[in-house]
Amino acid sequence: MRRLAAAHAGDSGLQIFTLSQLAARLVGGFVQPIAPEILEPAIQCAIGAKGFKELDRVCELPGITRAVARSLQKVWNADIDLAAAERGAAPRLLDLAVIEERLRAQLPPAILLPRDLRSAALARVDRAPVLVGPLRIEGVPWIAPLWRPLLNALCKIVAVEWEVPAIAETSWFAGAAKPVALNETLDKADIVSCADPHHEVVEALRWVRKLLSMKLAKPSEIAVSAAAPGTWDEHFLALTANTGLRIHFTHGVPALSMRDGQRCAAVADVLVRGLSEQRMRRLVALCTGEGTQLDRLPSGWLGALPRGASLFGLDDWERVLGGLQIDGCPIQVGPVLLPLLRVLAKGPGVALEAGELLLRRRSKTIWQTALRAAPAHAIELTLQNIRLADESDPGDSVVWSPAAHLAAWPRPWVRLLGLTSGRWPRSESDDAILPDHIVPANELDPDPLPQTDRRCFSIIVGTASGGLAVSRSRRNAQGNRLGASPLISGGPKESALARVRIPEHAFSEADRLMARPAEAAALGGIKSASQCWRNWHVSGVTAHDGQFRASHPAILRALGRTQSPTSLHSLLRGPLGFVWKYGLGWWAPTEPEQPLTITPEALGKLVHELLRRAVDTLEPAPGLVGASADQIESAVHGAAEIVREQWPLEQPVPPRLLWTNTVRHAAQIAVAALRFGETREADTQSWTEVPFGGGRPVRAERPLPWDPALAVEMPGTGIRIQGTIDRLDLRRVRSAVRVTDYKTGACPPKAELIIIRGGAEL
């Protein structure tokens, strides 16, 4: 924003620096301050060398790199000289001193640690008139002790002016301090309470829309802020999508909310949880077109991959990829995909190699940043914390920011969120590496978090010349009650806003319709939904109970199809469900990715598959009738071996051990079924899973007793049916036939009395 102001004012030659950049300018020689993308890998390497007094026990835990970086930054800002730590000092300080020394040895000469950079700048401070010139400090309410000696030394060489809020501590400053008066009262503030954080964001967007629609402010004059904005980020991302408002996230947007971050999430999902059909579909869909090996895969190959198959191992993938076909033509996918699968199957340990193979450009940068922050096994947690710079321009946008950002460049129209106890000001906590009993907190962090939050609040409130609104949540996302922050205790009386209130200004089309029920009710979709809800409570038959006009084409089409036992069962027992499924084409969601058990229906299909394969093995010689018990068992076990390996390539099955036990159990049922009701006539032929009705193409391994393509119609109904007969025993002279229907469920009570039972036994 300061650069934008300089451009508007035509300040040619004005240079804008941070304090570390100012020091680097004085040192010269292409020297630059150390950046996080350089510091974190260096810390990782320094910790990996081990040899510490206390940190060896935790040096491999997730988050240790970030914790050490945070502690070192506090030590440097507090101007604590680790190299001067005496031999009898606390072991933690000595460990950090070792890490700092290892960092110096790793870094190139042009990159200096903060204290080294400050010391080098002090040595060349006499060149400030040529290299820097007059200095003006703006938007910096507090300066760390690290930079104070440098600024005071500059005050003796060049003119240094500090435009500072009146509440800032400037007693150490040797230059000219220009205090800026603040109006720290909340007399004119609009203080409200909302139901929860989501409601706070809704009310904030309504407030922004009000200012813009009434032309009270420009977008560049409006800011919404919180001490720590993470709680409200997701709500802002979701709600602003359909508002047309330009909202700039000064602290960056979550990486996982963008496609580049989702590519990283897809790779992490496969590495952490292992191979599967669904995870690989997601990864291929996101990473194709990025200039990787995936671009060499043939078009449409995912359509040939069996949907729902349990592909959890490399062996499964090799077998299924070897048999892929598109329109009957084999396709070559394995040579491209299998090398990638072999890498991914190794797990998080090869995260760096997987990123090189599958990620490009910004996705690759996100991946490398996540790996620097923590070990690869914690990659999913690390990705959640990564943010990307918002690509919108803050100069023509409403900003959503942390309070510290807004305090550095205040705006006249401000709305503050999260003014609850414990959130603003936030409570102080011990440093993870250097707690208070090792280094006193007031020495390690002379500007603690509660003090920072209070100062930011005072600056923001004192500079909100246009208007100020303050909100808090009455309950958090978990439903717990929240109290008001002490910072607003002396302000005007709080107004409680209801979640369902009618706003003066709606922030989106959906919000506008919620505020105008009569207008919303005139819309076709809402009108139909409202009528459906009313009809639900009416005892008579209505249009929403499945009523339809005579000869409705969707119903005729559903009745005209060849019916299966499943569809006939639905037609007789749940006609409304029949209309939904077969008339309107609605289908239930798929099963979980890897169930621990299979459904009773799937168990029945498994048993029938074993029966079909076993009988086809026994027929025509020696024939099911003439087969011994050992031959039947051998045929069933042979079928079980095939099914155990083939089914995971076609549909979801439990993990391997459970799946093996399931197939073994189904084989026992199949053996018992084939031994039951022995047929003594030697001229008997047997078939299992015999299709009829011509509903689907049939690949018969031996001649069937009839043409399965012939239509079968129920007399007097016009309804054609299709299906399979579980078992058919037929005398060669066609003088006798036995039809057997196997049931794998529990035996119903009084089974001998059951005929059709209203279609349940269809």
Foldseek 3Di string as FASTA:
>chain_A
DVVVVCVVVVVPPDDDDDLQVVLLLLLDPLAHEDDPLLQLLLLLVLLVVDPAPPCVVPSAPWQPSVLLVVLVVLCLLLVPDLVPDDPPADSLSVSNSSSVVSSVVPDDPRYDYLLVSLVSSLVRLLCCCPRPAEEEAALDQDGGPNCLVVQQSNVVRHAYEYEYAPPGDCPSHPHHYRHDYFDQAQAFAAEAEEAELLLVVQVVLLVVQVCVVVVVDFQLQEEEAFQDCPQNQVSCVVVVPFQPAFEFEQVFHQLCVDLLLVLLVLLLCCQQVHDFLVSVVSNLVSQAPQPALSVVADPPQNVQFFPAFGPRDLVLVVVLLQPGDDPNHRGHDCVRVSVLNVQSRVHQVCQLVNLVRGHDDPSSVLSSVLCSSTPSNCSVVSSRPDGDHGPDDSNRHHYYYNLSVCLSPPHQHYEYEAQFPCRQQHDFDARPSQGCVNPNPCSSHVCTRNNSSVVSSRSRNRRNNSHYYYYYHQAYPVGHGTHGHPSCPPYDDYHYDYSQDQDPGGSHPVSPCSNPVVVVCPDPVNVVVVVLVVVVPDPDDDVNNPDDDPPDVLVCQLQLAAAELVLVLCVQPPVSVSCVCRSVPDDDDDDDSADQADDQVVLVVLLLQLLQQLQVVCPPVVALLPDDLVSSLVSSVVSLVVCLSPRSSNHHYHPNVSSNVSSVVSSVVNSVVSPPPRDNDSQKHKHAFAKAALNDDDDDPDDDPDDRNDWDDDPPPSGTYIGTFGMKIAGPVRPDIDTDDDRPDDDDPPNVPDDCVSSPND
